[in-house]
Amino acid sequence: MSWCVLKPFNVSLVKVGAVRNRIPFAIGGVGCASFVATGFWRHCCSNRITTPPFASLNTYTFPLFDGGQWSMSVLGVAKKESVKTDKAPAALGPYSQAIKSNNLVFVSGVLGLIPETGKFVSQDVEDQTEQVLKNMGEILKASGSHFSLLVKTTIMVADLKDFKKVNDIYAKYFSAPFPARSTYQVAALPLDAKIEIECIAELPQEVEPQP
């Protein structure tokens, strides 16, 4: 179990030294809390300071590793939702096709597999690139996002000499401002693929109608 105690006192004109030795406190989990008890204030400080106390409670969430498993700390957990669609290849292991968290979509590495058969569209890097982007488009659609909302892509190729072929097909799916991008040649890809692409996209924001 991990413990953290931070005690920020956001109190105008309060002598923290006088308060520190008189207020017991305990915080469980990983979090931060600050408070000034009103009763204590009236008892100790009413004759000297007329400014009312200010109390705040700040909570932070971090993953904790305890007893061989991960758990989230108390006082709030970020919303996380798995994305799944039959119109894109199924995950090849213990991972999701994509995860939605807050306002972002994190798409796992996508291969040029035909969803219905699980086989590569061909052994040609151009065909695989086209299929990768089609599959990615279906995952983004299932998440509620789109290519226009992509902010970052990562391309992994088996041979960097194929970069121009990949780039020409990639360019058909995007318009300015283009997402940020990294491209790497790797020693090997799953199923001996020629290319794999992963990405991060935003979710569309709801706009409230103007009166």
N, C-alpha and C. Protein backbone atom coordinates (compact mmCIF):
# COMPACT_ATOMS: atom_id res chain seq x y z
N MET A 1 0.86 -1.19 0.00
CA MET A 1 0.00 0.00 0.00
C MET A 1 0.89 1.24 0.00
N SER A 2 0.55 2.21 -0.80
CA SER A 2 1.30 3.44 -0.87
C SER A 2 0.53 4.53 -0.14
N TRP A 3 1.23 5.37 0.57
CA TRP A 3 0.59 6.44 1.33
C TRP A 3 1.25 7.77 0.97
N CYS A 4 0.44 8.77 0.91
CA CYS A 4 0.95 10.10 0.60
C CYS A 4 0.18 11.11 1.43
N VAL A 5 0.88 12.01 2.07
CA VAL A 5 0.21 13.04 2.84
C VAL A 5 0.77 14.39 2.44
N LEU A 6 -0.06 15.21 1.87
CA LEU A 6 0.32 16.57 1.54
C LEU A 6 -0.68 17.47 2.23
N LYS A 7 -0.26 18.56 2.83
CA LYS A 7 -1.17 19.37 3.60
C LYS A 7 -1.06 20.84 3.21
N PRO A 8 -1.58 21.23 2.03
CA PRO A 8 -1.56 22.65 1.67
C PRO A 8 -2.67 23.38 2.39
N PHE A 9 -2.34 24.45 3.13
CA PHE A 9 -3.36 25.25 3.80
C PHE A 9 -3.55 26.54 3.03
N ASN A 10 -4.69 26.65 2.39
CA ASN A 10 -5.01 27.85 1.63
C ASN A 10 -5.83 28.78 2.51
N VAL A 11 -5.24 29.29 3.56
CA VAL A 11 -5.97 30.10 4.54
C VAL A 11 -5.32 31.46 4.65
N SER A 12 -6.11 32.51 4.45
CA SER A 12 -5.58 33.85 4.52
C SER A 12 -5.16 34.18 5.94
N LEU A 13 -3.94 34.65 6.12
CA LEU A 13 -3.45 35.17 7.38
C LEU A 13 -3.37 34.16 8.52
N VAL A 14 -3.50 32.87 8.23
CA VAL A 14 -3.44 31.87 9.29
C VAL A 14 -1.99 31.52 9.55
N LYS A 15 -1.61 31.46 10.81
CA LYS A 15 -0.28 31.02 11.18
C LYS A 15 -0.27 29.50 11.16
N VAL A 16 0.31 28.93 10.12
CA VAL A 16 0.27 27.49 9.95
C VAL A 16 0.96 26.77 11.10
N GLY A 17 1.98 27.37 11.64
CA GLY A 17 2.69 26.75 12.74
C GLY A 17 1.79 26.53 13.93
N ALA A 18 0.88 27.48 14.17
CA ALA A 18 -0.03 27.34 15.30
C ALA A 18 -1.07 26.27 15.04
N VAL A 19 -1.44 26.10 13.78
CA VAL A 19 -2.47 25.13 13.42
C VAL A 19 -1.92 23.72 13.35
N ARG A 20 -0.66 23.61 12.91
CA ARG A 20 -0.08 22.32 12.58
C ARG A 20 -0.11 21.34 13.75
N ASN A 21 0.17 21.82 14.93
CA ASN A 21 0.27 20.93 16.09
C ASN A 21 -1.06 20.63 16.75
N ARG A 22 -2.15 21.19 16.25
CA ARG A 22 -3.42 21.05 16.93
C ARG A 22 -4.47 20.30 16.12
N ILE A 23 -4.27 20.10 14.85
CA ILE A 23 -5.29 19.46 14.01
C ILE A 23 -4.83 18.08 13.59
N PRO A 24 -5.48 17.04 14.10
CA PRO A 24 -5.13 15.68 13.63
C PRO A 24 -5.72 15.44 12.26
N PHE A 25 -5.03 14.69 11.46
CA PHE A 25 -5.59 14.36 10.15
C PHE A 25 -4.98 13.06 9.67
N ALA A 26 -5.72 12.39 8.78
CA ALA A 26 -5.22 11.16 8.16
C ALA A 26 -5.82 11.04 6.80
N ILE A 27 -5.04 10.62 5.88
CA ILE A 27 -5.50 10.47 4.50
C ILE A 27 -5.13 9.09 4.03
N GLY A 28 -6.08 8.30 3.53
CA GLY A 28 -5.80 6.95 3.04
C GLY A 28 -5.71 6.94 1.55
N GLY A 29 -4.91 6.00 1.01
CA GLY A 29 -4.77 5.89 -0.43
C GLY A 29 -3.76 6.92 -0.89
N VAL A 30 -3.82 7.26 -2.16
CA VAL A 30 -2.97 8.29 -2.71
C VAL A 30 -3.85 9.47 -2.98
N GLY A 31 -3.69 10.52 -2.23
CA GLY A 31 -4.55 11.67 -2.40
C GLY A 31 -3.99 12.81 -1.61
N CYS A 32 -4.58 13.98 -1.71
CA CYS A 32 -4.14 15.13 -0.98
C CYS A 32 -5.37 15.85 -0.46
N ALA A 33 -5.33 16.24 0.80
CA ALA A 33 -6.48 16.96 1.34
C ALA A 33 -5.99 18.07 2.23
N SER A 34 -6.66 19.16 2.26
CA SER A 34 -6.35 20.24 3.16
C SER A 34 -7.64 20.73 3.78
N PHE A 35 -7.58 21.03 5.07
CA PHE A 35 -8.80 21.49 5.73
C PHE A 35 -8.44 22.28 6.98
N VAL A 36 -9.34 23.12 7.41
CA VAL A 36 -9.23 23.82 8.69
C VAL A 36 -10.55 23.64 9.39
N ALA A 37 -10.56 23.03 10.56
CA ALA A 37 -11.80 22.76 11.26
C ALA A 37 -12.38 24.05 11.79
N THR A 38 -13.68 24.24 11.52
CA THR A 38 -14.34 25.47 11.94
C THR A 38 -14.35 25.61 13.46
N GLY A 39 -14.60 24.47 14.17
CA GLY A 39 -14.60 24.53 15.62
C GLY A 39 -13.27 24.97 16.17
N PHE A 40 -12.21 24.40 15.61
CA PHE A 40 -10.88 24.78 16.05
C PHE A 40 -10.61 26.25 15.78
N TRP A 41 -11.09 26.70 14.61
CA TRP A 41 -10.92 28.11 14.24
C TRP A 41 -11.57 29.02 15.28
N ARG A 42 -12.79 28.68 15.64
CA ARG A 42 -13.49 29.52 16.61
C ARG A 42 -12.79 29.51 17.97
N HIS A 43 -12.25 28.33 18.32
CA HIS A 43 -11.63 28.18 19.64
C HIS A 43 -10.29 28.91 19.73
N CYS A 44 -9.50 28.81 18.67
CA CYS A 44 -8.13 29.28 18.77
C CYS A 44 -7.87 30.63 18.09
N CYS A 45 -8.65 30.92 17.07
CA CYS A 45 -8.25 32.04 16.21
C CYS A 45 -9.25 33.19 16.16
N SER A 46 -10.41 33.03 16.79
CA SER A 46 -11.44 34.05 16.62
C SER A 46 -11.03 35.39 17.22
N ASN A 47 -10.16 35.36 18.23
CA ASN A 47 -9.76 36.60 18.88
C ASN A 47 -8.67 37.34 18.12
N ARG A 48 -8.07 36.66 17.16
CA ARG A 48 -6.94 37.27 16.48
C ARG A 48 -7.19 37.54 15.00
N ILE A 49 -7.96 36.69 14.33
CA ILE A 49 -8.14 36.81 12.88
C ILE A 49 -9.62 36.77 12.57
N THR A 50 -10.06 37.71 11.80
CA THR A 50 -11.49 37.78 11.47
C THR A 50 -11.80 37.19 10.11
N THR A 51 -10.77 36.89 9.33
CA THR A 51 -11.00 36.30 8.01
C THR A 51 -11.53 34.89 8.16
N PRO A 52 -12.63 34.50 7.51
CA PRO A 52 -13.19 33.16 7.66
C PRO A 52 -12.25 32.13 7.06
N PRO A 53 -12.32 30.90 7.57
CA PRO A 53 -11.42 29.85 7.07
C PRO A 53 -11.76 29.46 5.65
N PHE A 54 -10.76 29.00 4.95
CA PHE A 54 -10.94 28.48 3.60
C PHE A 54 -10.60 27.00 3.62
N ALA A 55 -11.50 26.15 3.18
CA ALA A 55 -11.24 24.71 3.17
C ALA A 55 -11.26 24.20 1.76
N SER A 56 -10.37 23.31 1.46
CA SER A 56 -10.33 22.73 0.10
C SER A 56 -10.03 21.26 0.19
N LEU A 57 -10.52 20.52 -0.79
CA LEU A 57 -10.24 19.08 -0.89
C LEU A 57 -9.84 18.79 -2.31
N ASN A 58 -8.59 18.42 -2.52
CA ASN A 58 -8.08 18.12 -3.85
C ASN A 58 -7.81 16.63 -3.93
N THR A 59 -8.35 15.97 -4.94
CA THR A 59 -8.13 14.54 -5.07
C THR A 59 -7.38 14.24 -6.35
N TYR A 60 -6.51 13.25 -6.29
CA TYR A 60 -5.73 12.83 -7.43
C TYR A 60 -5.81 11.31 -7.54
N THR A 61 -5.83 10.79 -8.75
CA THR A 61 -5.95 9.35 -8.94
C THR A 61 -4.70 8.80 -9.62
N PHE A 62 -4.10 7.79 -9.04
CA PHE A 62 -2.94 7.14 -9.61
C PHE A 62 -3.12 5.64 -9.54
N PRO A 63 -2.58 4.88 -10.49
CA PRO A 63 -2.63 3.42 -10.37
C PRO A 63 -1.67 2.94 -9.29
N LEU A 64 -2.12 2.01 -8.49
CA LEU A 64 -1.28 1.44 -7.44
C LEU A 64 -1.07 -0.04 -7.70
N PHE A 65 0.15 -0.51 -7.48
CA PHE A 65 0.44 -1.94 -7.64
C PHE A 65 0.57 -2.52 -6.25
N ASP A 66 -0.35 -3.43 -5.91
CA ASP A 66 -0.37 -3.98 -4.56
C ASP A 66 -0.79 -5.44 -4.62
N GLY A 67 0.01 -6.32 -4.08
CA GLY A 67 -0.36 -7.73 -4.02
C GLY A 67 -0.45 -8.41 -5.37
N GLY A 68 0.34 -7.94 -6.34
CA GLY A 68 0.35 -8.61 -7.63
C GLY A 68 -0.71 -8.14 -8.61
N GLN A 69 -1.44 -7.08 -8.27
CA GLN A 69 -2.45 -6.60 -9.21
C GLN A 69 -2.54 -5.08 -9.13
N TRP A 70 -3.02 -4.51 -10.24
CA TRP A 70 -3.17 -3.06 -10.31
C TRP A 70 -4.55 -2.67 -9.83
N SER A 71 -4.62 -1.59 -9.09
CA SER A 71 -5.90 -1.05 -8.66
C SER A 71 -5.82 0.46 -8.69
N MET A 72 -6.96 1.10 -8.73
CA MET A 72 -6.99 2.55 -8.74
C MET A 72 -7.18 3.07 -7.33
N SER A 73 -6.57 4.19 -7.04
CA SER A 73 -6.70 4.77 -5.72
C SER A 73 -8.11 5.30 -5.51
N VAL A 74 -8.41 5.59 -4.26
CA VAL A 74 -9.73 6.07 -3.91
C VAL A 74 -9.93 7.49 -4.41
N LEU A 75 -11.15 7.98 -4.26
CA LEU A 75 -11.49 9.36 -4.57
C LEU A 75 -11.46 9.64 -6.07
N GLY A 76 -12.01 8.72 -6.88
CA GLY A 76 -12.20 9.02 -8.29
C GLY A 76 -11.36 8.18 -9.22
N VAL A 77 -11.96 7.69 -10.30
CA VAL A 77 -11.27 6.91 -11.32
C VAL A 77 -11.61 7.48 -12.68
N ALA A 78 -10.61 7.69 -13.53
CA ALA A 78 -10.87 8.21 -14.87
C ALA A 78 -11.71 7.23 -15.66
N LYS A 79 -12.66 7.73 -16.44
CA LYS A 79 -13.54 6.88 -17.22
C LYS A 79 -12.76 6.25 -18.37
N LYS A 80 -12.91 4.93 -18.53
CA LYS A 80 -12.21 4.21 -19.59
C LYS A 80 -13.19 3.23 -20.21
N GLU A 81 -13.27 3.22 -21.55
CA GLU A 81 -14.24 2.38 -22.25
C GLU A 81 -13.57 1.69 -23.44
N SER A 82 -13.80 0.38 -23.55
CA SER A 82 -13.23 -0.38 -24.65
C SER A 82 -14.07 -0.19 -25.92
N VAL A 83 -13.37 -0.17 -27.06
CA VAL A 83 -14.04 -0.06 -28.37
C VAL A 83 -13.88 -1.37 -29.10
N LYS A 84 -14.97 -1.89 -29.66
CA LYS A 84 -14.91 -3.15 -30.39
C LYS A 84 -15.84 -3.09 -31.60
N THR A 85 -15.33 -3.53 -32.74
CA THR A 85 -16.15 -3.60 -33.95
C THR A 85 -15.76 -4.83 -34.76
N ASP A 86 -16.76 -5.47 -35.35
CA ASP A 86 -16.51 -6.63 -36.22
C ASP A 86 -16.04 -6.21 -37.60
N LYS A 87 -16.06 -4.92 -37.89
CA LYS A 87 -15.66 -4.42 -39.21
C LYS A 87 -14.16 -4.17 -39.28
N ALA A 88 -13.45 -4.51 -38.22
CA ALA A 88 -11.99 -4.41 -38.21
C ALA A 88 -11.45 -5.71 -37.60
N PRO A 89 -10.20 -6.05 -37.86
CA PRO A 89 -9.65 -7.30 -37.32
C PRO A 89 -9.73 -7.35 -35.81
N ALA A 90 -10.04 -8.53 -35.28
CA ALA A 90 -10.10 -8.71 -33.83
C ALA A 90 -8.70 -8.61 -33.24
N ALA A 91 -8.63 -8.27 -31.97
CA ALA A 91 -7.35 -8.20 -31.28
C ALA A 91 -6.68 -9.57 -31.27
N LEU A 92 -5.36 -9.58 -31.43
CA LEU A 92 -4.60 -10.83 -31.48
C LEU A 92 -4.10 -11.26 -30.11
N GLY A 93 -4.44 -10.51 -29.08
CA GLY A 93 -3.97 -10.84 -27.73
C GLY A 93 -4.82 -10.13 -26.70
N PRO A 94 -4.32 -10.03 -25.47
CA PRO A 94 -5.08 -9.40 -24.39
C PRO A 94 -5.03 -7.87 -24.45
N TYR A 95 -5.63 -7.32 -25.48
CA TYR A 95 -5.71 -5.87 -25.63
C TYR A 95 -6.99 -5.53 -26.37
N SER A 96 -7.38 -4.27 -26.34
CA SER A 96 -8.58 -3.79 -27.02
C SER A 96 -8.21 -3.20 -28.37
N GLN A 97 -9.17 -3.23 -29.29
CA GLN A 97 -8.94 -2.55 -30.57
C GLN A 97 -8.66 -1.08 -30.33
N ALA A 98 -9.36 -0.51 -29.37
CA ALA A 98 -9.13 0.88 -28.99
C ALA A 98 -9.71 1.09 -27.60
N ILE A 99 -9.25 2.15 -26.96
CA ILE A 99 -9.76 2.55 -25.65
C ILE A 99 -10.13 4.03 -25.71
N LYS A 100 -11.33 4.33 -25.22
CA LYS A 100 -11.74 5.72 -25.06
C LYS A 100 -11.49 6.12 -23.61
N SER A 101 -10.79 7.21 -23.43
CA SER A 101 -10.53 7.72 -22.09
C SER A 101 -10.67 9.23 -22.12
N ASN A 102 -11.64 9.71 -21.32
CA ASN A 102 -11.95 11.14 -21.31
C ASN A 102 -12.28 11.60 -22.73
N ASN A 103 -11.48 12.48 -23.32
CA ASN A 103 -11.82 13.00 -24.65
C ASN A 103 -10.91 12.45 -25.74
N LEU A 104 -10.24 11.32 -25.48
CA LEU A 104 -9.31 10.78 -26.46
C LEU A 104 -9.62 9.32 -26.77
N VAL A 105 -9.21 8.89 -27.97
CA VAL A 105 -9.31 7.50 -28.40
C VAL A 105 -7.90 7.01 -28.70
N PHE A 106 -7.50 5.92 -28.06
CA PHE A 106 -6.19 5.33 -28.28
C PHE A 106 -6.38 4.03 -29.05
N VAL A 107 -5.98 4.03 -30.32
CA VAL A 107 -6.18 2.88 -31.20
C VAL A 107 -4.92 2.02 -31.20
N SER A 108 -5.10 0.73 -30.91
CA SER A 108 -3.98 -0.20 -30.92
C SER A 108 -3.42 -0.35 -32.34
N GLY A 109 -2.23 -0.93 -32.43
CA GLY A 109 -1.64 -1.16 -33.74
C GLY A 109 -2.56 -1.97 -34.64
N VAL A 110 -2.75 -1.48 -35.87
CA VAL A 110 -3.67 -2.10 -36.83
C VAL A 110 -2.87 -2.72 -37.97
N LEU A 111 -3.24 -3.94 -38.34
CA LEU A 111 -2.59 -4.64 -39.44
C LEU A 111 -3.51 -4.66 -40.67
N GLY A 112 -2.91 -5.03 -41.80
CA GLY A 112 -3.68 -5.08 -43.06
C GLY A 112 -4.41 -6.39 -43.25
N LEU A 113 -5.16 -6.81 -42.23
CA LEU A 113 -5.91 -8.06 -42.29
C LEU A 113 -7.34 -7.80 -42.75
N ILE A 114 -7.89 -8.75 -43.48
CA ILE A 114 -9.30 -8.69 -43.84
C ILE A 114 -10.11 -9.15 -42.63
N PRO A 115 -11.02 -8.34 -42.12
CA PRO A 115 -11.74 -8.69 -40.88
C PRO A 115 -12.46 -10.04 -40.94
N GLU A 116 -13.05 -10.35 -42.09
CA GLU A 116 -13.86 -11.57 -42.21
C GLU A 116 -13.01 -12.86 -42.19
N THR A 117 -11.79 -12.77 -42.69
CA THR A 117 -10.96 -13.97 -42.81
C THR A 117 -9.78 -13.99 -41.85
N GLY A 118 -9.36 -12.82 -41.38
CA GLY A 118 -8.17 -12.76 -40.53
C GLY A 118 -6.89 -12.96 -41.31
N LYS A 119 -6.97 -12.91 -42.64
CA LYS A 119 -5.80 -13.08 -43.50
C LYS A 119 -5.39 -11.74 -44.10
N PHE A 120 -4.12 -11.62 -44.44
CA PHE A 120 -3.66 -10.40 -45.10
C PHE A 120 -4.31 -10.24 -46.46
N VAL A 121 -4.60 -8.98 -46.81
CA VAL A 121 -5.20 -8.70 -48.10
C VAL A 121 -4.27 -9.15 -49.22
N SER A 122 -2.97 -9.01 -49.01
CA SER A 122 -1.94 -9.52 -49.91
C SER A 122 -0.60 -9.35 -49.21
N GLN A 123 0.47 -9.74 -49.86
CA GLN A 123 1.80 -9.54 -49.32
C GLN A 123 2.44 -8.25 -49.82
N ASP A 124 1.66 -7.45 -50.51
CA ASP A 124 2.14 -6.18 -51.05
C ASP A 124 1.98 -5.08 -50.00
N VAL A 125 3.02 -4.29 -49.77
CA VAL A 125 2.97 -3.27 -48.74
C VAL A 125 1.91 -2.21 -49.03
N GLU A 126 1.70 -1.92 -50.32
CA GLU A 126 0.69 -0.92 -50.67
C GLU A 126 -0.72 -1.42 -50.34
N ASP A 127 -0.99 -2.66 -50.68
CA ASP A 127 -2.31 -3.22 -50.37
C ASP A 127 -2.51 -3.29 -48.85
N GLN A 128 -1.48 -3.67 -48.13
CA GLN A 128 -1.61 -3.76 -46.67
C GLN A 128 -1.81 -2.37 -46.05
N THR A 129 -1.13 -1.38 -46.59
CA THR A 129 -1.31 -0.01 -46.08
C THR A 129 -2.74 0.45 -46.27
N GLU A 130 -3.28 0.20 -47.45
CA GLU A 130 -4.67 0.58 -47.74
C GLU A 130 -5.63 -0.12 -46.78
N GLN A 131 -5.39 -1.42 -46.54
CA GLN A 131 -6.28 -2.18 -45.65
C GLN A 131 -6.12 -1.72 -44.21
N VAL A 132 -4.91 -1.40 -43.80
CA VAL A 132 -4.69 -0.89 -42.45
C VAL A 132 -5.53 0.36 -42.21
N LEU A 133 -5.49 1.29 -43.16
CA LEU A 133 -6.21 2.54 -42.98
C LEU A 133 -7.73 2.34 -43.04
N LYS A 134 -8.18 1.40 -43.85
CA LYS A 134 -9.61 1.07 -43.85
C LYS A 134 -10.03 0.51 -42.49
N ASN A 135 -9.23 -0.41 -41.98
CA ASN A 135 -9.53 -1.00 -40.66
C ASN A 135 -9.51 0.07 -39.57
N MET A 136 -8.53 0.95 -39.64
CA MET A 136 -8.43 2.02 -38.65
C MET A 136 -9.65 2.93 -38.72
N GLY A 137 -10.09 3.22 -39.93
CA GLY A 137 -11.27 4.05 -40.10
C GLY A 137 -12.50 3.44 -39.44
N GLU A 138 -12.64 2.11 -39.53
CA GLU A 138 -13.79 1.44 -38.91
C GLU A 138 -13.70 1.50 -37.38
N ILE A 139 -12.50 1.36 -36.85
CA ILE A 139 -12.33 1.45 -35.40
C ILE A 139 -12.64 2.86 -34.91
N LEU A 140 -12.14 3.86 -35.64
CA LEU A 140 -12.43 5.24 -35.28
C LEU A 140 -13.94 5.51 -35.34
N LYS A 141 -14.58 5.00 -36.38
CA LYS A 141 -16.03 5.18 -36.52
C LYS A 141 -16.78 4.55 -35.35
N ALA A 142 -16.35 3.36 -34.96
CA ALA A 142 -17.00 2.68 -33.83
C ALA A 142 -16.81 3.44 -32.52
N SER A 143 -15.74 4.18 -32.44
CA SER A 143 -15.47 4.95 -31.21
C SER A 143 -16.19 6.29 -31.20
N GLY A 144 -16.70 6.71 -32.38
CA GLY A 144 -17.33 8.01 -32.49
C GLY A 144 -16.40 9.09 -33.00
N SER A 145 -15.19 8.69 -33.44
CA SER A 145 -14.22 9.65 -33.94
C SER A 145 -14.08 9.51 -35.46
N HIS A 146 -13.04 10.14 -36.02
CA HIS A 146 -12.86 10.17 -37.47
C HIS A 146 -11.41 10.53 -37.78
N PHE A 147 -10.99 10.27 -39.03
CA PHE A 147 -9.63 10.61 -39.45
C PHE A 147 -9.33 12.10 -39.24
N SER A 148 -10.32 12.95 -39.42
CA SER A 148 -10.09 14.39 -39.28
C SER A 148 -9.77 14.79 -37.85
N LEU A 149 -10.04 13.89 -36.88
CA LEU A 149 -9.79 14.20 -35.48
C LEU A 149 -8.52 13.52 -34.95
N LEU A 150 -7.77 12.89 -35.84
CA LEU A 150 -6.51 12.28 -35.42
C LEU A 150 -5.49 13.35 -35.02
N VAL A 151 -4.78 13.09 -33.92
CA VAL A 151 -3.75 14.03 -33.49
C VAL A 151 -2.34 13.43 -33.57
N LYS A 152 -2.25 12.08 -33.59
CA LYS A 152 -0.92 11.45 -33.63
C LYS A 152 -1.03 10.06 -34.22
N THR A 153 -0.14 9.73 -35.14
CA THR A 153 -0.04 8.37 -35.67
C THR A 153 1.39 7.88 -35.51
N THR A 154 1.52 6.57 -35.39
CA THR A 154 2.84 5.93 -35.36
C THR A 154 2.83 4.81 -36.38
N ILE A 155 3.75 4.88 -37.35
CA ILE A 155 3.84 3.89 -38.42
C ILE A 155 5.07 3.02 -38.19
N MET A 156 4.87 1.71 -38.26
CA MET A 156 5.97 0.76 -38.15
C MET A 156 6.01 -0.07 -39.42
N VAL A 157 7.14 -0.10 -40.07
CA VAL A 157 7.28 -0.84 -41.31
C VAL A 157 8.41 -1.85 -41.19
N ALA A 158 8.28 -2.92 -41.95
CA ALA A 158 9.33 -3.94 -41.95
C ALA A 158 10.54 -3.49 -42.75
N ASP A 159 10.31 -2.57 -43.71
CA ASP A 159 11.40 -2.09 -44.56
C ASP A 159 11.17 -0.61 -44.83
N LEU A 160 12.06 0.23 -44.35
CA LEU A 160 11.90 1.68 -44.52
C LEU A 160 12.03 2.11 -45.97
N LYS A 161 12.51 1.22 -46.82
CA LYS A 161 12.55 1.54 -48.26
C LYS A 161 11.15 1.64 -48.84
N ASP A 162 10.16 1.12 -48.13
CA ASP A 162 8.77 1.21 -48.59
C ASP A 162 8.10 2.52 -48.17
N PHE A 163 8.87 3.41 -47.56
CA PHE A 163 8.28 4.62 -46.99
C PHE A 163 7.49 5.43 -48.01
N LYS A 164 8.04 5.63 -49.20
CA LYS A 164 7.34 6.46 -50.20
C LYS A 164 6.02 5.82 -50.62
N LYS A 165 6.01 4.50 -50.81
CA LYS A 165 4.77 3.82 -51.18
C LYS A 165 3.72 4.00 -50.08
N VAL A 166 4.16 3.84 -48.85
CA VAL A 166 3.25 4.00 -47.71
C VAL A 166 2.75 5.44 -47.63
N ASN A 167 3.66 6.36 -47.79
CA ASN A 167 3.32 7.77 -47.65
C ASN A 167 2.30 8.22 -48.70
N ASP A 168 2.42 7.73 -49.92
CA ASP A 168 1.49 8.11 -51.00
C ASP A 168 0.06 7.67 -50.68
N ILE A 169 -0.08 6.48 -50.11
CA ILE A 169 -1.42 5.99 -49.76
C ILE A 169 -1.93 6.68 -48.50
N TYR A 170 -1.05 6.86 -47.54
CA TYR A 170 -1.40 7.53 -46.29
C TYR A 170 -1.97 8.92 -46.56
N ALA A 171 -1.36 9.63 -47.50
CA ALA A 171 -1.75 11.02 -47.78
C ALA A 171 -3.19 11.12 -48.28
N LYS A 172 -3.75 10.06 -48.86
CA LYS A 172 -5.12 10.10 -49.38
C LYS A 172 -6.16 10.18 -48.27
N TYR A 173 -5.78 9.81 -47.05
CA TYR A 173 -6.73 9.74 -45.95
C TYR A 173 -6.72 10.97 -45.04
N PHE A 174 -5.83 11.91 -45.30
CA PHE A 174 -5.68 13.05 -44.40
C PHE A 174 -5.62 14.36 -45.17
N SER A 175 -6.00 15.41 -44.48
CA SER A 175 -5.86 16.75 -45.03
C SER A 175 -5.30 17.65 -43.94
N ALA A 176 -4.78 18.81 -44.34
CA ALA A 176 -4.18 19.73 -43.36
C ALA A 176 -5.24 20.27 -42.40
N PRO A 177 -4.89 20.48 -41.16
CA PRO A 177 -3.58 20.19 -40.53
C PRO A 177 -3.41 18.69 -40.27
N PHE A 178 -2.32 18.15 -40.77
CA PHE A 178 -2.07 16.72 -40.65
C PHE A 178 -1.73 16.34 -39.20
N PRO A 179 -2.06 15.14 -38.79
CA PRO A 179 -1.67 14.72 -37.44
C PRO A 179 -0.16 14.59 -37.31
N ALA A 180 0.33 14.73 -36.11
CA ALA A 180 1.74 14.45 -35.86
C ALA A 180 2.01 12.98 -36.16
N ARG A 181 3.26 12.65 -36.52
CA ARG A 181 3.53 11.28 -36.95
C ARG A 181 4.96 10.88 -36.66
N SER A 182 5.14 9.60 -36.34
CA SER A 182 6.46 8.99 -36.23
C SER A 182 6.48 7.75 -37.11
N THR A 183 7.63 7.47 -37.74
CA THR A 183 7.75 6.29 -38.60
C THR A 183 9.03 5.55 -38.25
N TYR A 184 8.91 4.23 -38.06
CA TYR A 184 10.06 3.43 -37.66
C TYR A 184 10.15 2.17 -38.52
N GLN A 185 11.38 1.74 -38.79
CA GLN A 185 11.60 0.40 -39.31
C GLN A 185 11.85 -0.50 -38.10
N VAL A 186 11.16 -1.62 -38.05
CA VAL A 186 11.29 -2.54 -36.92
C VAL A 186 11.82 -3.88 -37.40
N ALA A 187 12.33 -4.66 -36.47
CA ALA A 187 12.92 -5.96 -36.82
C ALA A 187 11.86 -6.93 -37.34
N ALA A 188 10.67 -6.88 -36.77
CA ALA A 188 9.59 -7.77 -37.21
C ALA A 188 8.27 -7.23 -36.69
N LEU A 189 7.18 -7.60 -37.38
CA LEU A 189 5.83 -7.21 -36.98
C LEU A 189 4.99 -8.48 -36.80
N PRO A 190 3.89 -8.39 -36.06
CA PRO A 190 3.04 -9.57 -35.86
C PRO A 190 2.62 -10.20 -37.18
N LEU A 191 2.64 -11.52 -37.24
CA LEU A 191 2.23 -12.29 -38.43
C LEU A 191 3.08 -11.94 -39.66
N ASP A 192 4.27 -11.40 -39.42
CA ASP A 192 5.16 -10.98 -40.53
C ASP A 192 4.51 -9.94 -41.42
N ALA A 193 3.77 -9.03 -40.82
CA ALA A 193 3.13 -7.95 -41.56
C ALA A 193 4.19 -7.03 -42.16
N LYS A 194 3.78 -6.33 -43.23
CA LYS A 194 4.67 -5.35 -43.85
C LYS A 194 4.58 -3.99 -43.15
N ILE A 195 3.42 -3.73 -42.51
CA ILE A 195 3.19 -2.43 -41.91
C ILE A 195 2.18 -2.56 -40.77
N GLU A 196 2.32 -1.71 -39.77
CA GLU A 196 1.37 -1.60 -38.66
C GLU A 196 1.28 -0.13 -38.29
N ILE A 197 0.06 0.34 -38.03
CA ILE A 197 -0.14 1.74 -37.66
C ILE A 197 -1.01 1.81 -36.41
N GLU A 198 -0.61 2.66 -35.47
CA GLU A 198 -1.44 2.97 -34.31
C GLU A 198 -1.68 4.48 -34.27
N CYS A 199 -2.69 4.90 -33.52
CA CYS A 199 -3.00 6.32 -33.54
C CYS A 199 -3.72 6.77 -32.27
N ILE A 200 -3.77 8.08 -32.10
CA ILE A 200 -4.52 8.73 -31.03
C ILE A 200 -5.41 9.78 -31.69
N ALA A 201 -6.68 9.78 -31.32
CA ALA A 201 -7.63 10.72 -31.91
C ALA A 201 -8.46 11.38 -30.82
N GLU A 202 -9.00 12.52 -31.15
CA GLU A 202 -9.93 13.19 -30.25
C GLU A 202 -11.34 12.69 -30.51
N LEU A 203 -12.21 12.88 -29.53
CA LEU A 203 -13.64 12.64 -29.71
C LEU A 203 -14.30 13.98 -30.00
N PRO A 204 -15.32 13.99 -30.84
CA PRO A 204 -15.97 15.27 -31.13
C PRO A 204 -16.62 15.86 -29.90
N GLN A 205 -16.51 17.18 -29.77
CA GLN A 205 -17.08 17.87 -28.63
C GLN A 205 -18.53 18.27 -28.92
N GLU A 206 -19.37 18.08 -27.94
CA GLU A 206 -20.76 18.51 -28.08
C GLU A 206 -20.82 20.03 -27.91
N VAL A 207 -21.49 20.66 -28.86
CA VAL A 207 -21.64 22.11 -28.82
C VAL A 207 -23.06 22.45 -28.43
N GLU A 208 -23.21 23.19 -27.34
CA GLU A 208 -24.53 23.56 -26.89
C GLU A 208 -25.13 24.59 -27.82
N PRO A 209 -26.39 24.41 -28.20
CA PRO A 209 -27.02 25.38 -29.10
C PRO A 209 -27.12 26.76 -28.46
N GLN A 210 -26.84 27.77 -29.26
CA GLN A 210 -26.91 29.14 -28.77
C GLN A 210 -28.35 29.61 -28.72
N PRO A 211 -28.73 30.32 -27.66
CA PRO A 211 -30.11 30.80 -27.57
C PRO A 211 -30.40 31.87 -28.61
